């Protein structure tokens, strides 16, 4: 799982609020 800034392969990071 990569950070949103690293273009995470999963769009779940946005749902989890790890932005």
Protein backbone atom coordinates (compact mmCIF):
# COMPACT_ATOMS: atom_id res chain seq x y z
CA UNK A 1 0.00 0.00 0.00
CA UNK A 2 1.53 3.31 -1.06
CA UNK A 3 0.72 6.84 0.02
CA UNK A 4 -1.67 8.89 -2.15
CA UNK A 5 1.22 11.13 -3.18
CA UNK A 6 2.94 8.01 -4.58
CA UNK A 7 -0.17 7.30 -6.66
CA UNK A 8 -1.38 4.50 -4.43
CA UNK A 9 -2.53 1.44 -6.41
CA UNK A 10 -5.64 1.33 -4.22
CA UNK A 11 -8.11 4.20 -3.97
CA UNK A 12 -8.93 3.06 -0.44
CA UNK A 13 -6.41 5.46 1.06
CA UNK A 14 -8.85 8.23 0.18
CA UNK A 15 -11.71 6.36 1.90
CA UNK A 16 -9.58 5.63 4.94
CA UNK A 17 -8.74 9.30 5.16
CA UNK A 18 -4.99 8.69 5.06
CA UNK A 19 -4.62 11.67 2.76
